[in-house]
């Protein structure tokens, strides 16, 4: 088991984007990131379109005093995470900690902005992913980031997310459990509930089987021929 005081190697780092999948459904996370299973549906396609627009290098990089950095590489060897931030906004700061950028002279406050296709969720998956991006930036540049933003394509609204100690602690515990399950291996059994209705992996996961004792009846109702 990995010691909480040691650093993760590059090979042991998990994708930041996996946090959202894990919080939504551990089985979905394992199917995607451990068994390399994936299927697109209309919702994932819309999300890809939104991120493609965000990552467009022809979009303006500076507006007023705000510098917009796109597709920023991230890593935290303390948490064992790596990934890419959709956007990191730089604004002038007189604070005690600041970021220096080779192309833009001055002292900058860095603020991560994550783009999501839908609307704000009841669970903390999006906020935890954003918090992970902020902690990576803090570790990489020795800065402090008090706030991030989530932009939702369905509402076309920015949600301010204070990066509180409570949220940070939840992130650390979540990532620690993800690393533990990665070391243990295996895949969680399916659980059929309302989350399954819009999951792109439903046909691969077959969560309805967890609710049926008569497998032949399940296949018959879904028009699947048994040998």
C-alpha atoms as a PDB file:
ATOM      1  CA  UNK A   1       0.000   0.000   0.000  1.00  0.00           C
ATOM      2  CA  UNK A   2       1.267   3.473  -0.881  1.00  0.00           C
ATOM      3  CA  UNK A   3       2.511   5.559   2.051  1.00  0.00           C
ATOM      4  CA  UNK A   4       0.615   8.865   2.492  1.00  0.00           C
ATOM      5  CA  UNK A   5       3.902  10.684   3.063  1.00  0.00           C
ATOM      6  CA  UNK A   6       5.603   9.475  -0.137  1.00  0.00           C
ATOM      7  CA  UNK A   7       5.195  10.674  -3.716  1.00  0.00           C
ATOM      8  CA  UNK A   8       3.552   8.759  -6.541  1.00  0.00           C
ATOM      9  CA  UNK A   9       5.584   7.923  -9.615  1.00  0.00           C
ATOM     10  CA  UNK A  10       4.430   8.970 -13.083  1.00  0.00           C
ATOM     11  CA  UNK A  11       3.317   5.387 -13.759  1.00  0.00           C
ATOM     12  CA  UNK A  12       1.095   5.336 -10.661  1.00  0.00           C
ATOM     13  CA  UNK A  13      -0.701   8.623 -11.344  1.00  0.00           C
ATOM     14  CA  UNK A  14      -4.422   8.515 -12.122  1.00  0.00           C
ATOM     15  CA  UNK A  15      -6.258  10.744 -14.586  1.00  0.00           C
ATOM     16  CA  UNK A  16      -7.962  13.776 -13.053  1.00  0.00           C
ATOM     17  CA  UNK A  17     -10.965  13.197 -15.314  1.00  0.00           C
ATOM     18  CA  UNK A  18     -11.410   9.772 -13.675  1.00  0.00           C
ATOM     19  CA  UNK A  19     -12.540  11.459 -10.447  1.00  0.00           C
ATOM     20  CA  UNK A  20     -15.849  12.450 -12.006  1.00  0.00           C
ATOM     21  CA  UNK A  21     -16.463   8.899 -13.240  1.00  0.00           C
ATOM     22  CA  UNK A  22     -15.584   7.413  -9.842  1.00  0.00           C
ATOM     23  CA  UNK A  23     -17.861   9.727  -7.858  1.00  0.00           C
ATOM     24  CA  UNK A  24     -20.742   9.125 -10.282  1.00  0.00           C
ATOM     25  CA  UNK A  25     -20.300   5.342 -10.231  1.00  0.00           C
ATOM     26  CA  UNK A  26     -17.225   3.313  -9.160  1.00  0.00           C
ATOM     27  CA  UNK A  27     -18.131   0.554 -11.626  1.00  0.00           C
ATOM     28  CA  UNK A  28     -18.270   3.050 -14.497  1.00  0.00           C
ATOM     29  CA  UNK A  29     -14.845   4.356 -13.462  1.00  0.00           C
ATOM     30  CA  UNK A  30     -13.387   0.841 -13.390  1.00  0.00           C
ATOM     31  CA  UNK A  31     -14.876  -0.103 -16.755  1.00  0.00           C
ATOM     32  CA  UNK A  32     -13.498   3.028 -18.421  1.00  0.00           C
ATOM     33  CA  UNK A  33     -10.132   3.478 -16.743  1.00  0.00           C
ATOM     34  CA  UNK A  34      -9.179  -0.064 -15.739  1.00  0.00           C
ATOM     35  CA  UNK A  35     -10.846  -2.238 -18.389  1.00  0.00           C
ATOM     36  CA  UNK A  36     -10.621   0.409 -21.146  1.00  0.00           C
ATOM     37  CA  UNK A  37     -14.293   0.113 -22.103  1.00  0.00           C
ATOM     38  CA  UNK A  38     -16.105   3.072 -23.642  1.00  0.00           C
ATOM     39  CA  UNK A  39     -19.212   3.850 -25.662  1.00  0.00           C
ATOM     40  CA  UNK A  40     -20.391   7.258 -26.833  1.00  0.00           C
ATOM     41  CA  UNK A  41     -23.960   8.443 -26.600  1.00  0.00           C
ATOM     42  CA  UNK A  42     -25.579  11.793 -27.409  1.00  0.00           C
ATOM     43  CA  UNK A  43     -24.521  13.250 -24.064  1.00  0.00           C
ATOM     44  CA  UNK A  44     -20.842  12.324 -24.354  1.00  0.00           C
ATOM     45  CA  UNK A  45     -20.798  13.585 -27.962  1.00  0.00           C
ATOM     46  CA  UNK A  46     -22.135  16.966 -26.874  1.00  0.00           C
ATOM     47  CA  UNK A  47     -19.491  17.120 -24.167  1.00  0.00           C
ATOM     48  CA  UNK A  48     -16.743  16.445 -26.701  1.00  0.00           C
ATOM     49  CA  UNK A  49     -18.037  19.249 -28.933  1.00  0.00           C
ATOM     50  CA  UNK A  50     -18.038  21.681 -26.007  1.00  0.00           C
ATOM     51  CA  UNK A  51     -14.472  20.800 -25.018  1.00  0.00           C
ATOM     52  CA  UNK A  52     -13.315  21.047 -28.644  1.00  0.00           C
ATOM     53  CA  UNK A  53     -14.573  24.632 -28.728  1.00  0.00           C
ATOM     54  CA  UNK A  54     -12.895  25.438 -25.424  1.00  0.00           C
ATOM     55  CA  UNK A  55      -9.570  24.054 -26.654  1.00  0.00           C
ATOM     56  CA  UNK A  56      -9.674  26.055 -29.913  1.00  0.00           C
ATOM     57  CA  UNK A  57      -6.253  27.774 -30.178  1.00  0.00           C
ATOM     58  CA  UNK A  58      -7.736  30.527 -32.360  1.00  0.00           C
ATOM     59  CA  UNK A  59      -9.900  31.828 -29.525  1.00  0.00           C
ATOM     60  CA  UNK A  60      -8.591  35.060 -27.916  1.00  0.00           C
ATOM     61  CA  UNK A  61      -5.901  34.617 -25.256  1.00  0.00           C
ATOM     62  CA  UNK A  62      -6.251  37.999 -23.551  1.00  0.00           C
ATOM     63  CA  UNK A  63      -9.278  40.100 -22.721  1.00  0.00           C
ATOM     64  CA  UNK A  64      -8.705  43.180 -20.615  1.00  0.00           C
ATOM     65  CA  UNK A  65      -6.416  42.218 -17.745  1.00  0.00           C
ATOM     66  CA  UNK A  66      -7.316  38.513 -17.909  1.00  0.00           C
ATOM     67  CA  UNK A  67      -5.026  36.029 -19.650  1.00  0.00           C
ATOM     68  CA  UNK A  68      -6.682  32.780 -20.786  1.00  0.00           C
ATOM     69  CA  UNK A  69      -4.479  29.699 -20.947  1.00  0.00           C
ATOM     70  CA  UNK A  70      -6.059  26.670 -22.662  1.00  0.00           C
ATOM     71  CA  UNK A  71      -5.350  22.933 -22.289  1.00  0.00           C
ATOM     72  CA  UNK A  72      -2.883  23.419 -19.426  1.00  0.00           C
ATOM     73  CA  UNK A  73      -0.975  20.199 -18.478  1.00  0.00           C
ATOM     74  CA  UNK A  74      -1.291  19.291 -14.792  1.00  0.00           C
ATOM     75  CA  UNK A  75       0.355  16.844 -12.412  1.00  0.00           C
ATOM     76  CA  UNK A  76       0.493  16.196  -8.674  1.00  0.00           C
ATOM     77  CA  UNK A  77       2.920  13.553  -7.457  1.00  0.00           C
ATOM     78  CA  UNK A  78       1.647  14.088  -3.922  1.00  0.00           C
ATOM     79  CA  UNK A  79      -1.900  13.071  -4.886  1.00  0.00           C
ATOM     80  CA  UNK A  80      -0.888  10.835  -7.777  1.00  0.00           C
ATOM     81  CA  UNK A  81      -2.892  12.696 -10.430  1.00  0.00           C
ATOM     82  CA  UNK A  82      -2.323  14.027 -13.921  1.00  0.00           C
ATOM     83  CA  UNK A  83      -4.433  15.621 -16.631  1.00  0.00           C
ATOM     84  CA  UNK A  84      -5.281  18.822 -18.462  1.00  0.00           C
ATOM     85  CA  UNK A  85      -7.232  21.862 -17.306  1.00  0.00           C
ATOM     86  CA  UNK A  86      -9.714  23.235 -19.848  1.00  0.00           C
ATOM     87  CA  UNK A  87      -8.802  26.802 -18.953  1.00  0.00           C
ATOM     88  CA  UNK A  88      -6.592  28.553 -16.429  1.00  0.00           C
ATOM     89  CA  UNK A  89      -7.285  32.262 -16.123  1.00  0.00           C
ATOM     90  CA  UNK A  90      -4.539  34.600 -14.991  1.00  0.00           C
ATOM     91  CA  UNK A  91      -5.452  37.877 -13.307  1.00  0.00           C
ATOM     92  CA  UNK A  92      -3.088  40.470 -11.777  1.00  0.00           C
ATOM     93  CA  UNK A  93      -2.459  39.974  -8.075  1.00  0.00           C
ATOM     94  CA  UNK A  94      -0.634  41.612  -5.189  1.00  0.00           C
ATOM     95  CA  UNK A  95      -1.062  38.505  -3.051  1.00  0.00           C
ATOM     96  CA  UNK A  96       1.657  36.678  -1.160  1.00  0.00           C
ATOM     97  CA  UNK A  97       1.734  33.833  -3.680  1.00  0.00           C
ATOM     98  CA  UNK A  98       1.631  34.336  -7.414  1.00  0.00           C
ATOM     99  CA  UNK A  99       2.442  32.667 -10.716  1.00  0.00           C
ATOM    100  CA  UNK A 100       4.961  34.007 -13.215  1.00  0.00           C
ATOM    101  CA  UNK A 101       4.446  33.233 -16.899  1.00  0.00           C
ATOM    102  CA  UNK A 102       7.267  33.384 -19.484  1.00  0.00           C
ATOM    103  CA  UNK A 103       5.045  35.128 -22.076  1.00  0.00           C
ATOM    104  CA  UNK A 104       3.203  37.514 -19.753  1.00  0.00           C
ATOM    105  CA  UNK A 105       5.336  39.598 -17.357  1.00  0.00           C
ATOM    106  CA  UNK A 106       3.887  40.306 -13.929  1.00  0.00           C
ATOM    107  CA  UNK A 107       2.399  38.544 -10.941  1.00  0.00           C
ATOM    108  CA  UNK A 108      -0.656  36.430 -11.667  1.00  0.00           C
ATOM    109  CA  UNK A 109      -3.380  34.711  -9.704  1.00  0.00           C
ATOM    110  CA  UNK A 110      -4.247  31.401 -11.382  1.00  0.00           C
ATOM    111  CA  UNK A 111      -7.887  30.264 -11.462  1.00  0.00           C
ATOM    112  CA  UNK A 112      -8.941  26.962 -13.082  1.00  0.00           C
ATOM    113  CA  UNK A 113     -12.155  26.887 -15.129  1.00  0.00           C
ATOM    114  CA  UNK A 114     -13.687  23.529 -16.047  1.00  0.00           C
ATOM    115  CA  UNK A 115     -16.328  23.260 -18.784  1.00  0.00           C
ATOM    116  CA  UNK A 116     -19.208  20.792 -18.428  1.00  0.00           C
ATOM    117  CA  UNK A 117     -21.910  19.905 -20.918  1.00  0.00           C
ATOM    118  CA  UNK A 118     -24.988  19.818 -18.654  1.00  0.00           C
ATOM    119  CA  UNK A 119     -26.040  21.619 -15.505  1.00  0.00           C
ATOM    120  CA  UNK A 120     -24.904  21.650 -11.841  1.00  0.00           C
ATOM    121  CA  UNK A 121     -25.183  18.225 -10.179  1.00  0.00           C
ATOM    122  CA  UNK A 122     -26.406  17.134  -6.781  1.00  0.00           C
ATOM    123  CA  UNK A 123     -23.162  15.280  -6.064  1.00  0.00           C
ATOM    124  CA  UNK A 124     -19.673  16.779  -5.849  1.00  0.00           C
ATOM    125  CA  UNK A 125     -18.063  15.094  -8.879  1.00  0.00           C
ATOM    126  CA  UNK A 126     -17.493  18.291 -10.878  1.00  0.00           C
ATOM    127  CA  UNK A 127     -16.332  20.262  -7.850  1.00  0.00           C
ATOM    128  CA  UNK A 128     -13.866  17.545  -6.875  1.00  0.00           C
ATOM    129  CA  UNK A 129     -12.400  17.455 -10.377  1.00  0.00           C
ATOM    130  CA  UNK A 130     -11.998  21.235 -10.309  1.00  0.00           C
ATOM    131  CA  UNK A 131     -10.424  21.049  -6.852  1.00  0.00           C
ATOM    132  CA  UNK A 132      -7.958  18.438  -8.130  1.00  0.00           C
ATOM    133  CA  UNK A 133      -6.907  20.771 -10.946  1.00  0.00           C
ATOM    134  CA  UNK A 134      -6.354  23.575  -8.449  1.00  0.00           C
ATOM    135  CA  UNK A 135      -4.254  21.391  -6.130  1.00  0.00           C
ATOM    136  CA  UNK A 136      -2.113  20.326  -9.071  1.00  0.00           C
ATOM    137  CA  UNK A 137      -1.481  23.972  -9.956  1.00  0.00           C
ATOM    138  CA  UNK A 138      -0.685  24.779  -6.336  1.00  0.00           C
ATOM    139  CA  UNK A 139       1.859  21.979  -6.142  1.00  0.00           C
ATOM    140  CA  UNK A 140       3.427  22.776  -9.526  1.00  0.00           C
ATOM    141  CA  UNK A 141       3.858  26.503  -8.963  1.00  0.00           C
ATOM    142  CA  UNK A 142       3.934  26.917  -5.182  1.00  0.00           C
ATOM    143  CA  UNK A 143       0.823  29.090  -5.165  1.00  0.00           C
ATOM    144  CA  UNK A 144      -2.523  29.222  -3.354  1.00  0.00           C
ATOM    145  CA  UNK A 145      -5.808  29.056  -5.255  1.00  0.00           C
ATOM    146  CA  UNK A 146      -8.901  29.969  -3.208  1.00  0.00           C
ATOM    147  CA  UNK A 147     -11.523  29.667  -5.946  1.00  0.00           C
ATOM    148  CA  UNK A 148     -12.313  27.952  -9.243  1.00  0.00           C
ATOM    149  CA  UNK A 149     -15.218  28.022 -11.686  1.00  0.00           C
ATOM    150  CA  UNK A 150     -17.450  25.465 -13.388  1.00  0.00           C
ATOM    151  CA  UNK A 151     -19.069  26.547 -16.654  1.00  0.00           C
ATOM    152  CA  UNK A 152     -22.176  24.582 -17.648  1.00  0.00           C
ATOM    153  CA  UNK A 153     -23.113  24.464 -21.319  1.00  0.00           C
ATOM    154  CA  UNK A 154     -26.797  23.774 -20.687  1.00  0.00           C
ATOM    155  CA  UNK A 155     -27.315  26.779 -18.413  1.00  0.00           C
ATOM    156  CA  UNK A 156     -24.532  28.894 -19.980  1.00  0.00           C
ATOM    157  CA  UNK A 157     -23.634  29.982 -16.481  1.00  0.00           C
ATOM    158  CA  UNK A 158     -20.460  30.054 -14.424  1.00  0.00           C
ATOM    159  CA  UNK A 159     -20.627  28.582 -10.956  1.00  0.00           C
ATOM    160  CA  UNK A 160     -18.071  29.900  -8.475  1.00  0.00           C
ATOM    161  CA  UNK A 161     -16.587  27.098  -6.365  1.00  0.00           C
ATOM    162  CA  UNK A 162     -14.767  28.048  -3.150  1.00  0.00           C
ATOM    163  CA  UNK A 163     -11.935  25.571  -2.641  1.00  0.00           C
ATOM    164  CA  UNK A 164     -12.616  25.039   1.041  1.00  0.00           C
ATOM    165  CA  UNK A 165     -10.731  22.769   3.415  1.00  0.00           C
ATOM    166  CA  UNK A 166     -13.791  20.516   3.480  1.00  0.00           C
ATOM    167  CA  UNK A 167     -13.745  20.100  -0.310  1.00  0.00           C
ATOM    168  CA  UNK A 168      -9.982  19.574  -0.316  1.00  0.00           C
ATOM    169  CA  UNK A 169     -10.246  16.885   2.374  1.00  0.00           C
ATOM    170  CA  UNK A 170     -13.012  15.128   0.437  1.00  0.00           C
ATOM    171  CA  UNK A 171     -10.827  15.150  -2.656  1.00  0.00           C
ATOM    172  CA  UNK A 172      -7.840  13.675  -0.820  1.00  0.00           C
ATOM    173  CA  UNK A 173      -9.975  10.868   0.637  1.00  0.00           C
ATOM    174  CA  UNK A 174     -11.596  10.183  -2.749  1.00  0.00           C
ATOM    175  CA  UNK A 175      -8.281   9.945  -4.577  1.00  0.00           C
ATOM    176  CA  UNK A 176      -6.791   7.803  -1.826  1.00  0.00           C
ATOM    177  CA  UNK A 177      -9.649   5.317  -2.214  1.00  0.00           C
ATOM    178  CA  UNK A 178      -9.252   5.312  -6.006  1.00  0.00           C
ATOM    179  CA  UNK A 179      -5.577   4.425  -5.631  1.00  0.00           C
ATOM    180  CA  UNK A 180      -6.451   1.684  -3.137  1.00  0.00           C
ATOM    181  CA  UNK A 181      -8.991   0.125  -5.488  1.00  0.00           C
ATOM    182  CA  UNK A 182      -6.526   0.372  -8.367  1.00  0.00           C
ATOM    183  CA  UNK A 183      -3.980  -1.604  -6.365  1.00  0.00           C
ATOM    184  CA  UNK A 184      -6.560  -4.214  -5.335  1.00  0.00           C
ATOM    185  CA  UNK A 185      -7.905  -4.621  -8.886  1.00  0.00           C
ATOM    186  CA  UNK A 186     -11.153  -6.201  -9.998  1.00  0.00           C
ATOM    187  CA  UNK A 187     -14.464  -4.563 -10.901  1.00  0.00           C
ATOM    188  CA  UNK A 188     -17.336  -3.623  -8.633  1.00  0.00           C
ATOM    189  CA  UNK A 189     -20.617  -5.501  -9.242  1.00  0.00           C
ATOM    190  CA  UNK A 190     -23.362  -3.641 -11.126  1.00  0.00           C
ATOM    191  CA  UNK A 191     -26.007  -1.734  -9.210  1.00  0.00           C
ATOM    192  CA  UNK A 192     -29.132  -0.835 -11.152  1.00  0.00           C
ATOM    193  CA  UNK A 193     -30.546   2.580 -10.222  1.00  0.00           C
ATOM    194  CA  UNK A 194     -31.477   5.935 -11.752  1.00  0.00           C
ATOM    195  CA  UNK A 195     -27.850   6.685 -12.684  1.00  0.00           C
ATOM    196  CA  UNK A 196     -27.978   3.927 -15.292  1.00  0.00           C
ATOM    197  CA  UNK A 197     -30.617   5.630 -17.433  1.00  0.00           C
ATOM    198  CA  UNK A 198     -28.215   8.094 -19.053  1.00  0.00           C
ATOM    199  CA  UNK A 199     -24.949   6.153 -18.743  1.00  0.00           C
ATOM    200  CA  UNK A 200     -23.145   5.538 -22.035  1.00  0.00           C
ATOM    201  CA  UNK A 201     -21.830   2.194 -20.719  1.00  0.00           C
ATOM    202  CA  UNK A 202     -25.230   0.708 -19.925  1.00  0.00           C
ATOM    203  CA  UNK A 203     -25.070  -1.852 -22.758  1.00  0.00           C
ATOM    204  CA  UNK A 204     -21.615  -2.970 -21.601  1.00  0.00           C
ATOM    205  CA  UNK A 205     -22.375  -2.945 -17.890  1.00  0.00           C
ATOM    206  CA  UNK A 206     -25.814  -4.645 -18.093  1.00  0.00           C
ATOM    207  CA  UNK A 207     -26.843  -3.378 -14.647  1.00  0.00           C
ATOM    208  CA  UNK A 208     -30.355  -4.844 -14.998  1.00  0.00           C
ATOM    209  CA  UNK A 209     -28.842  -8.292 -14.468  1.00  0.00           C
ATOM    210  CA  UNK A 210     -28.179  -7.381 -10.839  1.00  0.00           C
ATOM    211  CA  UNK A 211     -31.934  -7.089 -10.307  1.00  0.00           C
ATOM    212  CA  UNK A 212     -32.949 -10.322 -12.066  1.00  0.00           C
ATOM    213  CA  UNK A 213     -32.637 -13.886 -10.888  1.00  0.00           C
ATOM    214  CA  UNK A 214     -33.977 -15.266 -14.169  1.00  0.00           C
ATOM    215  CA  UNK A 215     -31.261 -14.454 -16.708  1.00  0.00           C
ATOM    216  CA  UNK A 216     -33.141 -16.201 -19.532  1.00  0.00           C
ATOM    217  CA  UNK A 217     -36.127 -13.881 -18.949  1.00  0.00           C
ATOM    218  CA  UNK A 218     -33.843 -10.834 -19.111  1.00  0.00           C
ATOM    219  CA  UNK A 219     -32.369 -11.883 -22.438  1.00  0.00           C
ATOM    220  CA  UNK A 220     -35.816 -12.736 -23.806  1.00  0.00           C
ATOM    221  CA  UNK A 221     -37.274  -9.303 -22.927  1.00  0.00           C
ATOM    222  CA  UNK A 222     -34.279  -7.604 -24.544  1.00  0.00           C
ATOM    223  CA  UNK A 223     -34.609  -9.756 -27.697  1.00  0.00           C
ATOM    224  CA  UNK A 224     -31.229 -11.434 -27.214  1.00  0.00           C
ATOM    225  CA  UNK A 225     -31.050 -15.043 -28.464  1.00  0.00           C
ATOM    226  CA  UNK A 226     -29.415 -17.574 -26.190  1.00  0.00           C
ATOM    227  CA  UNK A 227     -27.657 -20.612 -27.676  1.00  0.00           C
END
